[in-house]
Amino acid sequence: MHSDQPINAVLITDFLKVGVFVREWAKKDELVSSSVIEEVAKRLMKSEEGDEIRKKAEELGCQVIMSTEKGGITKMEWDSFIAHITRES
């Protein structure tokens, strides 16, 4: 596993709230059983928690799209970066 995965897991589940933990990080070397995957999938598909996660994920996706469009912060930062690295000294 990569060292950024625990941080990404916390970002996705605790801060952005667009995902759920399948297992504790301390058990990272254990194989996840199909029954655990089934349980988590059902939880996401058939619960208010799953509805909320899908709603937040959709909102986040819209924000990302807007940030990459003309006038969006990501687009402006990217254009600035490209201009910086392609300028002649």
N, C-alpha and C. Protein backbone atom coordinates (compact mmCIF):
# COMPACT_ATOMS: atom_id res chain seq x y z
N MET A 1 0.83 -1.18 0.00
CA MET A 1 0.00 0.00 0.00
C MET A 1 0.88 1.24 0.00
N HIS A 2 0.34 2.28 -0.56
CA HIS A 2 1.08 3.52 -0.62
C HIS A 2 0.81 4.36 0.62
N SER A 3 1.77 5.17 0.98
CA SER A 3 1.68 5.94 2.22
C SER A 3 0.58 6.99 2.20
N ASP A 4 0.12 7.40 1.03
CA ASP A 4 -0.92 8.42 0.97
C ASP A 4 -2.33 7.84 1.12
N GLN A 5 -2.47 6.54 1.05
CA GLN A 5 -3.80 5.95 1.10
C GLN A 5 -4.54 6.18 2.42
N PRO A 6 -3.88 6.09 3.58
CA PRO A 6 -4.63 6.38 4.81
C PRO A 6 -5.12 7.83 4.85
N ILE A 7 -4.32 8.74 4.37
CA ILE A 7 -4.71 10.15 4.33
C ILE A 7 -5.87 10.34 3.37
N ASN A 8 -5.78 9.72 2.19
CA ASN A 8 -6.86 9.83 1.21
C ASN A 8 -8.15 9.22 1.76
N ALA A 9 -8.04 8.12 2.47
CA ALA A 9 -9.23 7.47 3.04
C ALA A 9 -9.93 8.40 4.03
N VAL A 10 -9.16 9.07 4.86
CA VAL A 10 -9.74 10.01 5.83
C VAL A 10 -10.36 11.19 5.09
N LEU A 11 -9.68 11.69 4.07
CA LEU A 11 -10.20 12.80 3.28
C LEU A 11 -11.55 12.43 2.67
N ILE A 12 -11.62 11.27 2.05
CA ILE A 12 -12.84 10.83 1.36
C ILE A 12 -13.98 10.56 2.34
N THR A 13 -13.67 9.91 3.45
CA THR A 13 -14.73 9.48 4.37
C THR A 13 -15.09 10.53 5.42
N ASP A 14 -14.10 11.16 6.03
CA ASP A 14 -14.37 12.05 7.16
C ASP A 14 -14.58 13.51 6.76
N PHE A 15 -13.82 13.98 5.78
CA PHE A 15 -13.90 15.39 5.42
C PHE A 15 -14.86 15.65 4.27
N LEU A 16 -14.67 14.95 3.15
CA LEU A 16 -15.56 15.15 2.01
C LEU A 16 -16.87 14.38 2.17
N LYS A 17 -16.83 13.33 2.94
CA LYS A 17 -18.00 12.49 3.21
C LYS A 17 -18.64 11.96 1.93
N VAL A 18 -17.78 11.45 1.04
CA VAL A 18 -18.25 10.86 -0.21
C VAL A 18 -17.84 9.39 -0.32
N GLY A 19 -17.57 8.77 0.81
CA GLY A 19 -17.19 7.36 0.81
C GLY A 19 -17.32 6.78 2.20
N VAL A 20 -17.16 5.48 2.29
CA VAL A 20 -17.22 4.79 3.58
C VAL A 20 -16.02 3.87 3.71
N PHE A 21 -15.62 3.63 4.94
CA PHE A 21 -14.54 2.68 5.19
C PHE A 21 -15.07 1.27 4.98
N VAL A 22 -14.26 0.45 4.34
CA VAL A 22 -14.60 -0.96 4.18
C VAL A 22 -13.99 -1.75 5.33
N ARG A 23 -12.83 -1.31 5.77
CA ARG A 23 -12.18 -1.94 6.93
C ARG A 23 -11.22 -0.93 7.55
N GLU A 24 -10.83 -1.21 8.76
CA GLU A 24 -9.89 -0.35 9.47
C GLU A 24 -8.51 -0.45 8.82
N TRP A 25 -7.79 0.66 8.82
CA TRP A 25 -6.47 0.68 8.21
C TRP A 25 -5.51 -0.28 8.92
N ALA A 26 -5.70 -0.49 10.19
CA ALA A 26 -4.83 -1.39 10.95
C ALA A 26 -4.90 -2.82 10.40
N LYS A 27 -5.99 -3.14 9.70
CA LYS A 27 -6.15 -4.48 9.13
C LYS A 27 -5.87 -4.48 7.63
N LYS A 28 -5.04 -3.55 7.19
CA LYS A 28 -4.80 -3.35 5.76
C LYS A 28 -4.23 -4.57 5.04
N ASP A 29 -3.56 -5.45 5.76
CA ASP A 29 -2.96 -6.62 5.13
C ASP A 29 -3.93 -7.79 5.01
N GLU A 30 -5.11 -7.65 5.59
CA GLU A 30 -6.10 -8.73 5.52
C GLU A 30 -6.94 -8.59 4.26
N LEU A 31 -7.31 -9.71 3.71
CA LEU A 31 -8.18 -9.75 2.54
C LEU A 31 -9.60 -9.37 2.95
N VAL A 32 -10.24 -8.53 2.17
CA VAL A 32 -11.62 -8.16 2.44
C VAL A 32 -12.53 -9.22 1.83
N SER A 33 -13.40 -9.77 2.64
CA SER A 33 -14.27 -10.85 2.16
C SER A 33 -15.38 -10.29 1.28
N SER A 34 -15.92 -11.15 0.45
CA SER A 34 -17.02 -10.75 -0.42
C SER A 34 -18.25 -10.35 0.38
N SER A 35 -18.44 -10.95 1.54
CA SER A 35 -19.60 -10.60 2.36
C SER A 35 -19.47 -9.17 2.91
N VAL A 36 -18.26 -8.75 3.22
CA VAL A 36 -18.04 -7.38 3.69
C VAL A 36 -18.31 -6.40 2.55
N ILE A 37 -17.83 -6.72 1.36
CA ILE A 37 -18.08 -5.87 0.19
C ILE A 37 -19.58 -5.79 -0.08
N GLU A 38 -20.26 -6.92 0.01
CA GLU A 38 -21.71 -6.96 -0.20
C GLU A 38 -22.43 -6.07 0.82
N GLU A 39 -22.03 -6.19 2.07
CA GLU A 39 -22.65 -5.40 3.14
C GLU A 39 -22.47 -3.90 2.90
N VAL A 40 -21.26 -3.50 2.54
CA VAL A 40 -20.98 -2.08 2.30
C VAL A 40 -21.75 -1.59 1.07
N ALA A 41 -21.77 -2.41 0.01
CA ALA A 41 -22.50 -2.02 -1.20
C ALA A 41 -23.99 -1.84 -0.91
N LYS A 42 -24.57 -2.76 -0.15
CA LYS A 42 -25.98 -2.63 0.22
C LYS A 42 -26.21 -1.39 1.06
N ARG A 43 -25.29 -1.14 1.97
CA ARG A 43 -25.40 0.05 2.83
C ARG A 43 -25.41 1.32 1.98
N LEU A 44 -24.58 1.35 0.96
CA LEU A 44 -24.52 2.53 0.10
C LEU A 44 -25.74 2.63 -0.81
N MET A 45 -26.28 1.51 -1.21
CA MET A 45 -27.39 1.51 -2.16
C MET A 45 -28.76 1.69 -1.50
N LYS A 46 -28.90 1.23 -0.27
CA LYS A 46 -30.23 1.16 0.34
C LYS A 46 -30.33 1.86 1.68
N SER A 47 -29.68 3.00 1.81
CA SER A 47 -29.76 3.70 3.09
C SER A 47 -29.73 5.20 2.88
N GLU A 48 -30.16 5.90 3.90
CA GLU A 48 -30.08 7.37 3.85
C GLU A 48 -28.63 7.80 3.76
N GLU A 49 -27.75 7.08 4.42
CA GLU A 49 -26.32 7.38 4.36
C GLU A 49 -25.84 7.31 2.91
N GLY A 50 -26.23 6.27 2.20
CA GLY A 50 -25.85 6.12 0.80
C GLY A 50 -26.42 7.24 -0.06
N ASP A 51 -27.67 7.61 0.21
CA ASP A 51 -28.30 8.71 -0.52
C ASP A 51 -27.51 10.00 -0.31
N GLU A 52 -27.13 10.24 0.92
CA GLU A 52 -26.37 11.46 1.25
C GLU A 52 -24.99 11.45 0.60
N ILE A 53 -24.34 10.30 0.60
CA ILE A 53 -23.02 10.18 -0.03
C ILE A 53 -23.13 10.45 -1.53
N ARG A 54 -24.13 9.87 -2.18
CA ARG A 54 -24.30 10.10 -3.62
C ARG A 54 -24.58 11.57 -3.90
N LYS A 55 -25.39 12.19 -3.07
CA LYS A 55 -25.71 13.61 -3.24
C LYS A 55 -24.44 14.46 -3.11
N LYS A 56 -23.66 14.20 -2.08
CA LYS A 56 -22.42 14.96 -1.87
C LYS A 56 -21.42 14.71 -2.99
N ALA A 57 -21.34 13.48 -3.46
CA ALA A 57 -20.42 13.16 -4.56
C ALA A 57 -20.82 13.90 -5.83
N GLU A 58 -22.11 13.97 -6.08
CA GLU A 58 -22.59 14.70 -7.26
C GLU A 58 -22.28 16.19 -7.13
N GLU A 59 -22.50 16.76 -5.95
CA GLU A 59 -22.19 18.17 -5.73
C GLU A 59 -20.70 18.44 -5.91
N LEU A 60 -19.89 17.55 -5.36
CA LEU A 60 -18.44 17.70 -5.49
C LEU A 60 -18.02 17.61 -6.96
N GLY A 61 -18.62 16.69 -7.69
CA GLY A 61 -18.33 16.55 -9.11
C GLY A 61 -18.66 17.82 -9.88
N CYS A 62 -19.79 18.43 -9.56
CA CYS A 62 -20.18 19.69 -10.21
C CYS A 62 -19.19 20.79 -9.89
N GLN A 63 -18.74 20.84 -8.65
CA GLN A 63 -17.76 21.86 -8.26
C GLN A 63 -16.44 21.67 -9.01
N VAL A 64 -16.03 20.43 -9.18
CA VAL A 64 -14.80 20.15 -9.92
C VAL A 64 -14.95 20.58 -11.37
N ILE A 65 -16.07 20.25 -11.98
CA ILE A 65 -16.30 20.64 -13.37
C ILE A 65 -16.28 22.16 -13.50
N MET A 66 -16.95 22.85 -12.60
CA MET A 66 -16.98 24.32 -12.65
C MET A 66 -15.58 24.90 -12.49
N SER A 67 -14.76 24.28 -11.65
CA SER A 67 -13.41 24.82 -11.41
C SER A 67 -12.51 24.66 -12.63
N THR A 68 -12.85 23.73 -13.52
CA THR A 68 -12.01 23.51 -14.69
C THR A 68 -12.50 24.26 -15.92
N GLU A 69 -13.67 24.88 -15.82
CA GLU A 69 -14.20 25.66 -16.94
C GLU A 69 -13.56 27.04 -16.96
N LYS A 70 -13.74 27.74 -18.06
CA LYS A 70 -13.18 29.08 -18.20
C LYS A 70 -13.63 29.95 -17.03
N GLY A 71 -12.67 30.58 -16.38
CA GLY A 71 -12.96 31.41 -15.22
C GLY A 71 -12.91 30.66 -13.90
N GLY A 72 -12.85 29.33 -13.96
CA GLY A 72 -12.76 28.52 -12.75
C GLY A 72 -11.35 28.56 -12.18
N ILE A 73 -11.23 28.36 -10.88
CA ILE A 73 -9.95 28.49 -10.21
C ILE A 73 -8.92 27.49 -10.72
N THR A 74 -9.32 26.25 -10.95
CA THR A 74 -8.37 25.25 -11.44
C THR A 74 -7.87 25.63 -12.83
N LYS A 75 -8.77 26.07 -13.68
CA LYS A 75 -8.39 26.49 -15.04
C LYS A 75 -7.43 27.67 -14.97
N MET A 76 -7.72 28.64 -14.12
CA MET A 76 -6.84 29.82 -14.02
C MET A 76 -5.46 29.42 -13.49
N GLU A 77 -5.43 28.56 -12.48
CA GLU A 77 -4.15 28.12 -11.92
C GLU A 77 -3.36 27.31 -12.94
N TRP A 78 -4.03 26.45 -13.67
CA TRP A 78 -3.37 25.64 -14.69
C TRP A 78 -2.80 26.55 -15.79
N ASP A 79 -3.59 27.49 -16.26
CA ASP A 79 -3.11 28.42 -17.29
C ASP A 79 -1.91 29.21 -16.79
N SER A 80 -1.95 29.64 -15.53
CA SER A 80 -0.83 30.37 -14.95
C SER A 80 0.42 29.50 -14.89
N PHE A 81 0.26 28.26 -14.50
CA PHE A 81 1.39 27.33 -14.42
C PHE A 81 2.00 27.11 -15.80
N ILE A 82 1.15 26.87 -16.79
CA ILE A 82 1.64 26.64 -18.16
C ILE A 82 2.38 27.88 -18.66
N ALA A 83 1.82 29.05 -18.41
CA ALA A 83 2.48 30.28 -18.83
C ALA A 83 3.84 30.42 -18.15
N HIS A 84 3.91 30.06 -16.90
CA HIS A 84 5.17 30.17 -16.15
C HIS A 84 6.24 29.23 -16.70
N ILE A 85 5.88 27.99 -16.96
CA ILE A 85 6.90 27.02 -17.38
C ILE A 85 7.27 27.15 -18.85
N THR A 86 6.45 27.84 -19.63
CA THR A 86 6.75 27.98 -21.05
C THR A 86 7.32 29.35 -21.41
N ARG A 87 7.47 30.21 -20.42
CA ARG A 87 8.01 31.54 -20.72
C ARG A 87 9.50 31.42 -21.04
N GLU A 88 9.94 32.34 -21.83
CA GLU A 88 11.36 32.35 -22.19
C GLU A 88 12.12 33.18 -21.17
N SER A 89 13.28 32.71 -20.79
CA SER A 89 14.09 33.43 -19.79
C SER A 89 14.83 34.58 -20.40
